[in-house]
């Protein structure tokens, strides 16, 4: 876990130091986010060439979680239409009773309804397909659960979005 924290720290540091460029080819995108814990609709809105807000409604077994993220985008590896992004935000949700898998940890049984609230981060790559209104993203989503924890986990995510 400590190694992963160092890798994330150095990756984000590298991204922050990197040269900013026009990072996106669209203003708004709507689509689906497939995560390790939740799957659901998402919307991303660019406030300027590099800063975006993203909202995700994650539907999970026995519950729902709403996540809001502030993201910074910049061109990756000098490849047109390929962008790094990183950011932070929070989540709020609710889960009912049932077994829940934790990545790299023991499963937990919730025996009633519980509130979920915590801090989120994201680090990923997004590719906007040339001449098509489609963007594909792959990311890691570290989060700190405060209401049911505290505990920390990292979930991979895949996003498919229609851009306009």
C-alpha atoms as a PDB file:
ATOM      1  CA  UNK A   1       0.000   0.000   0.000  1.00  0.00           C
ATOM      2  CA  UNK A   2       2.890   2.334   0.815  1.00  0.00           C
ATOM      3  CA  UNK A   3       4.463   1.671  -2.607  1.00  0.00           C
ATOM      4  CA  UNK A   4       1.204   2.529  -4.319  1.00  0.00           C
ATOM      5  CA  UNK A   5       0.977   5.804  -2.411  1.00  0.00           C
ATOM      6  CA  UNK A   6       4.501   6.733  -3.558  1.00  0.00           C
ATOM      7  CA  UNK A   7       3.707   5.834  -7.165  1.00  0.00           C
ATOM      8  CA  UNK A   8       0.563   7.980  -7.088  1.00  0.00           C
ATOM      9  CA  UNK A   9       2.426  10.876  -5.460  1.00  0.00           C
ATOM     10  CA  UNK A  10       5.208  10.857  -8.079  1.00  0.00           C
ATOM     11  CA  UNK A  11       2.742  10.422 -10.948  1.00  0.00           C
ATOM     12  CA  UNK A  12       0.672  13.401  -9.845  1.00  0.00           C
ATOM     13  CA  UNK A  13       3.834  15.454  -9.225  1.00  0.00           C
ATOM     14  CA  UNK A  14       5.023  14.657 -12.752  1.00  0.00           C
ATOM     15  CA  UNK A  15       1.676  15.715 -14.159  1.00  0.00           C
ATOM     16  CA  UNK A  16       1.618  18.962 -12.196  1.00  0.00           C
ATOM     17  CA  UNK A  17       5.106  19.905 -13.380  1.00  0.00           C
ATOM     18  CA  UNK A  18       4.359  19.033 -17.021  1.00  0.00           C
ATOM     19  CA  UNK A  19       3.643  21.690 -19.619  1.00  0.00           C
ATOM     20  CA  UNK A  20      -0.025  22.598 -19.919  1.00  0.00           C
ATOM     21  CA  UNK A  21      -1.564  22.605 -23.365  1.00  0.00           C
ATOM     22  CA  UNK A  22      -5.019  22.629 -24.841  1.00  0.00           C
ATOM     23  CA  UNK A  23      -6.180  19.359 -23.411  1.00  0.00           C
ATOM     24  CA  UNK A  24      -9.609  18.673 -24.833  1.00  0.00           C
ATOM     25  CA  UNK A  25     -11.590  18.784 -28.041  1.00  0.00           C
ATOM     26  CA  UNK A  26     -15.063  19.044 -26.557  1.00  0.00           C
ATOM     27  CA  UNK A  27     -16.999  21.055 -23.984  1.00  0.00           C
ATOM     28  CA  UNK A  28     -19.366  18.429 -22.537  1.00  0.00           C
ATOM     29  CA  UNK A  29     -19.524  14.639 -22.464  1.00  0.00           C
ATOM     30  CA  UNK A  30     -22.134  12.194 -21.171  1.00  0.00           C
ATOM     31  CA  UNK A  31     -21.691   8.478 -20.839  1.00  0.00           C
ATOM     32  CA  UNK A  32     -21.171   5.515 -18.572  1.00  0.00           C
ATOM     33  CA  UNK A  33     -18.527   4.843 -15.960  1.00  0.00           C
ATOM     34  CA  UNK A  34     -17.666   1.216 -15.172  1.00  0.00           C
ATOM     35  CA  UNK A  35     -15.855   0.973 -11.844  1.00  0.00           C
ATOM     36  CA  UNK A  36     -14.839  -1.832  -9.534  1.00  0.00           C
ATOM     37  CA  UNK A  37     -17.649  -0.971  -7.090  1.00  0.00           C
ATOM     38  CA  UNK A  38     -20.210   1.034  -9.060  1.00  0.00           C
ATOM     39  CA  UNK A  39     -21.488   1.364 -12.618  1.00  0.00           C
ATOM     40  CA  UNK A  40     -23.548   4.306 -13.777  1.00  0.00           C
ATOM     41  CA  UNK A  41     -24.043   7.461 -15.806  1.00  0.00           C
ATOM     42  CA  UNK A  42     -21.516  10.296 -15.816  1.00  0.00           C
ATOM     43  CA  UNK A  43     -21.282  13.814 -17.150  1.00  0.00           C
ATOM     44  CA  UNK A  44     -18.159  15.920 -17.664  1.00  0.00           C
ATOM     45  CA  UNK A  45     -18.125  19.657 -18.325  1.00  0.00           C
ATOM     46  CA  UNK A  46     -14.991  21.665 -19.205  1.00  0.00           C
ATOM     47  CA  UNK A  47     -14.843  25.084 -17.565  1.00  0.00           C
ATOM     48  CA  UNK A  48     -11.809  26.032 -19.689  1.00  0.00           C
ATOM     49  CA  UNK A  49      -9.193  24.212 -21.819  1.00  0.00           C
ATOM     50  CA  UNK A  50      -7.818  22.154 -18.948  1.00  0.00           C
ATOM     51  CA  UNK A  51     -10.218  22.217 -15.958  1.00  0.00           C
ATOM     52  CA  UNK A  52     -13.323  20.031 -15.859  1.00  0.00           C
ATOM     53  CA  UNK A  53     -16.054  19.021 -13.447  1.00  0.00           C
ATOM     54  CA  UNK A  54     -17.265  15.425 -13.545  1.00  0.00           C
ATOM     55  CA  UNK A  55     -20.307  13.947 -11.846  1.00  0.00           C
ATOM     56  CA  UNK A  56     -20.977  10.210 -11.548  1.00  0.00           C
ATOM     57  CA  UNK A  57     -24.026   8.377 -10.236  1.00  0.00           C
ATOM     58  CA  UNK A  58     -22.675   4.970  -9.273  1.00  0.00           C
ATOM     59  CA  UNK A  59     -25.191   2.182  -8.910  1.00  0.00           C
ATOM     60  CA  UNK A  60     -23.902  -0.712  -6.842  1.00  0.00           C
ATOM     61  CA  UNK A  61     -25.266  -3.878  -5.349  1.00  0.00           C
ATOM     62  CA  UNK A  62     -27.620  -2.716  -2.568  1.00  0.00           C
ATOM     63  CA  UNK A  63     -26.997   1.016  -3.036  1.00  0.00           C
ATOM     64  CA  UNK A  64     -26.084   4.171  -4.922  1.00  0.00           C
ATOM     65  CA  UNK A  65     -23.176   6.634  -4.634  1.00  0.00           C
ATOM     66  CA  UNK A  66     -22.943  10.152  -6.116  1.00  0.00           C
ATOM     67  CA  UNK A  67     -19.389  11.341  -6.828  1.00  0.00           C
ATOM     68  CA  UNK A  68     -18.211  14.817  -7.846  1.00  0.00           C
ATOM     69  CA  UNK A  69     -14.685  15.457  -9.155  1.00  0.00           C
ATOM     70  CA  UNK A  70     -12.609  18.476 -10.164  1.00  0.00           C
ATOM     71  CA  UNK A  71     -10.138  17.396 -12.876  1.00  0.00           C
ATOM     72  CA  UNK A  72      -7.130  18.903 -14.625  1.00  0.00           C
ATOM     73  CA  UNK A  73      -6.459  17.649 -18.171  1.00  0.00           C
ATOM     74  CA  UNK A  74      -3.295  17.984 -20.248  1.00  0.00           C
ATOM     75  CA  UNK A  75      -1.912  16.340 -23.358  1.00  0.00           C
ATOM     76  CA  UNK A  76      -0.144  13.019 -22.732  1.00  0.00           C
ATOM     77  CA  UNK A  77       3.086  11.882 -24.392  1.00  0.00           C
ATOM     78  CA  UNK A  78       2.691  14.503 -27.141  1.00  0.00           C
ATOM     79  CA  UNK A  79      -0.089  12.391 -28.710  1.00  0.00           C
ATOM     80  CA  UNK A  80      -2.972  14.346 -30.211  1.00  0.00           C
ATOM     81  CA  UNK A  81      -6.328  13.569 -28.534  1.00  0.00           C
ATOM     82  CA  UNK A  82      -4.681  11.606 -25.675  1.00  0.00           C
ATOM     83  CA  UNK A  83      -4.818  13.361 -22.299  1.00  0.00           C
ATOM     84  CA  UNK A  84      -3.668  12.774 -18.746  1.00  0.00           C
ATOM     85  CA  UNK A  85      -6.109  13.838 -16.092  1.00  0.00           C
ATOM     86  CA  UNK A  86      -5.952  13.998 -12.332  1.00  0.00           C
ATOM     87  CA  UNK A  87      -8.186  15.481  -9.719  1.00  0.00           C
ATOM     88  CA  UNK A  88     -10.031  15.275  -6.446  1.00  0.00           C
ATOM     89  CA  UNK A  89     -13.549  15.425  -5.045  1.00  0.00           C
ATOM     90  CA  UNK A  90     -15.927  13.566  -2.799  1.00  0.00           C
ATOM     91  CA  UNK A  91     -18.719  11.033  -2.666  1.00  0.00           C
ATOM     92  CA  UNK A  92     -21.994  10.609  -0.830  1.00  0.00           C
ATOM     93  CA  UNK A  93     -24.239   7.574  -0.939  1.00  0.00           C
ATOM     94  CA  UNK A  94     -26.100   4.824   0.796  1.00  0.00           C
ATOM     95  CA  UNK A  95     -25.879   1.036   0.885  1.00  0.00           C
ATOM     96  CA  UNK A  96     -28.230  -1.589   2.254  1.00  0.00           C
ATOM     97  CA  UNK A  97     -27.477  -4.937   3.856  1.00  0.00           C
ATOM     98  CA  UNK A  98     -25.297  -7.474   2.050  1.00  0.00           C
ATOM     99  CA  UNK A  99     -21.729  -8.628   1.457  1.00  0.00           C
ATOM    100  CA  UNK A 100     -19.294  -6.143  -0.056  1.00  0.00           C
ATOM    101  CA  UNK A 101     -15.976  -7.010  -1.583  1.00  0.00           C
ATOM    102  CA  UNK A 102     -12.978  -4.837  -0.871  1.00  0.00           C
ATOM    103  CA  UNK A 103     -10.123  -4.864  -3.346  1.00  0.00           C
ATOM    104  CA  UNK A 104      -7.124  -6.384  -1.625  1.00  0.00           C
ATOM    105  CA  UNK A 105      -9.026  -6.849   1.628  1.00  0.00           C
ATOM    106  CA  UNK A 106     -11.561  -8.926   3.467  1.00  0.00           C
ATOM    107  CA  UNK A 107     -15.199  -8.916   2.459  1.00  0.00           C
ATOM    108  CA  UNK A 108     -17.501  -7.093   4.842  1.00  0.00           C
ATOM    109  CA  UNK A 109     -21.133  -7.776   5.694  1.00  0.00           C
ATOM    110  CA  UNK A 110     -23.386  -4.755   6.217  1.00  0.00           C
ATOM    111  CA  UNK A 111     -26.426  -5.703   8.263  1.00  0.00           C
ATOM    112  CA  UNK A 112     -28.503  -2.592   7.611  1.00  0.00           C
ATOM    113  CA  UNK A 113     -28.565   0.686   5.713  1.00  0.00           C
ATOM    114  CA  UNK A 114     -25.412   2.784   5.944  1.00  0.00           C
ATOM    115  CA  UNK A 115     -24.358   6.199   4.706  1.00  0.00           C
ATOM    116  CA  UNK A 116     -21.209   6.440   2.608  1.00  0.00           C
ATOM    117  CA  UNK A 117     -19.275   9.706   2.636  1.00  0.00           C
ATOM    118  CA  UNK A 118     -15.658  10.384   1.825  1.00  0.00           C
ATOM    119  CA  UNK A 119     -12.889  11.919  -0.252  1.00  0.00           C
ATOM    120  CA  UNK A 120     -12.017  10.809  -3.791  1.00  0.00           C
ATOM    121  CA  UNK A 121      -9.163  11.286  -6.231  1.00  0.00           C
ATOM    122  CA  UNK A 122      -8.663  10.270  -9.842  1.00  0.00           C
ATOM    123  CA  UNK A 123      -5.664   9.710 -12.104  1.00  0.00           C
ATOM    124  CA  UNK A 124      -6.112   8.502 -15.657  1.00  0.00           C
ATOM    125  CA  UNK A 125      -5.850   8.733 -19.423  1.00  0.00           C
ATOM    126  CA  UNK A 126      -8.569   9.763 -21.851  1.00  0.00           C
ATOM    127  CA  UNK A 127      -8.573   9.326 -25.630  1.00  0.00           C
ATOM    128  CA  UNK A 128     -10.962  11.275 -27.847  1.00  0.00           C
ATOM    129  CA  UNK A 129     -11.454   9.276 -31.056  1.00  0.00           C
ATOM    130  CA  UNK A 130     -10.665  11.539 -34.046  1.00  0.00           C
ATOM    131  CA  UNK A 131     -13.644  12.402 -36.270  1.00  0.00           C
ATOM    132  CA  UNK A 132     -16.036  10.695 -33.854  1.00  0.00           C
ATOM    133  CA  UNK A 133     -17.937  12.059 -30.838  1.00  0.00           C
ATOM    134  CA  UNK A 134     -16.566   9.326 -28.560  1.00  0.00           C
ATOM    135  CA  UNK A 135     -14.065   9.533 -25.679  1.00  0.00           C
ATOM    136  CA  UNK A 136     -12.684   6.521 -23.791  1.00  0.00           C
ATOM    137  CA  UNK A 137     -10.999   6.817 -20.405  1.00  0.00           C
ATOM    138  CA  UNK A 138      -9.118   4.478 -18.101  1.00  0.00           C
ATOM    139  CA  UNK A 139      -8.322   5.586 -14.559  1.00  0.00           C
ATOM    140  CA  UNK A 140      -7.524   4.758 -10.971  1.00  0.00           C
ATOM    141  CA  UNK A 141      -9.845   6.117  -8.326  1.00  0.00           C
ATOM    142  CA  UNK A 142      -8.382   6.185  -4.813  1.00  0.00           C
ATOM    143  CA  UNK A 143     -10.932   6.977  -2.136  1.00  0.00           C
ATOM    144  CA  UNK A 144     -11.058   7.406   1.580  1.00  0.00           C
ATOM    145  CA  UNK A 145     -14.321   6.225   3.140  1.00  0.00           C
ATOM    146  CA  UNK A 146     -15.030   8.172   6.314  1.00  0.00           C
ATOM    147  CA  UNK A 147     -18.528   7.154   7.406  1.00  0.00           C
ATOM    148  CA  UNK A 148     -17.913   3.384   7.336  1.00  0.00           C
ATOM    149  CA  UNK A 149     -14.192   3.503   8.061  1.00  0.00           C
ATOM    150  CA  UNK A 150     -11.986   5.099   7.872  1.00  0.00           C
ATOM    151  CA  UNK A 151     -10.607   2.875   5.158  1.00  0.00           C
ATOM    152  CA  UNK A 152      -8.785   3.479   1.899  1.00  0.00           C
ATOM    153  CA  UNK A 153      -9.154   1.657  -1.397  1.00  0.00           C
ATOM    154  CA  UNK A 154      -8.266   2.120  -5.045  1.00  0.00           C
ATOM    155  CA  UNK A 155     -10.647   1.069  -7.792  1.00  0.00           C
ATOM    156  CA  UNK A 156      -9.933   0.998 -11.535  1.00  0.00           C
ATOM    157  CA  UNK A 157     -12.477   2.606 -13.840  1.00  0.00           C
ATOM    158  CA  UNK A 158     -13.385   2.616 -17.524  1.00  0.00           C
ATOM    159  CA  UNK A 159     -15.423   5.435 -19.044  1.00  0.00           C
ATOM    160  CA  UNK A 160     -17.238   5.587 -22.381  1.00  0.00           C
ATOM    161  CA  UNK A 161     -18.601   9.023 -23.277  1.00  0.00           C
ATOM    162  CA  UNK A 162     -20.452  10.799 -26.072  1.00  0.00           C
ATOM    163  CA  UNK A 163     -18.878  14.233 -26.570  1.00  0.00           C
ATOM    164  CA  UNK A 164     -20.365  17.488 -27.841  1.00  0.00           C
END
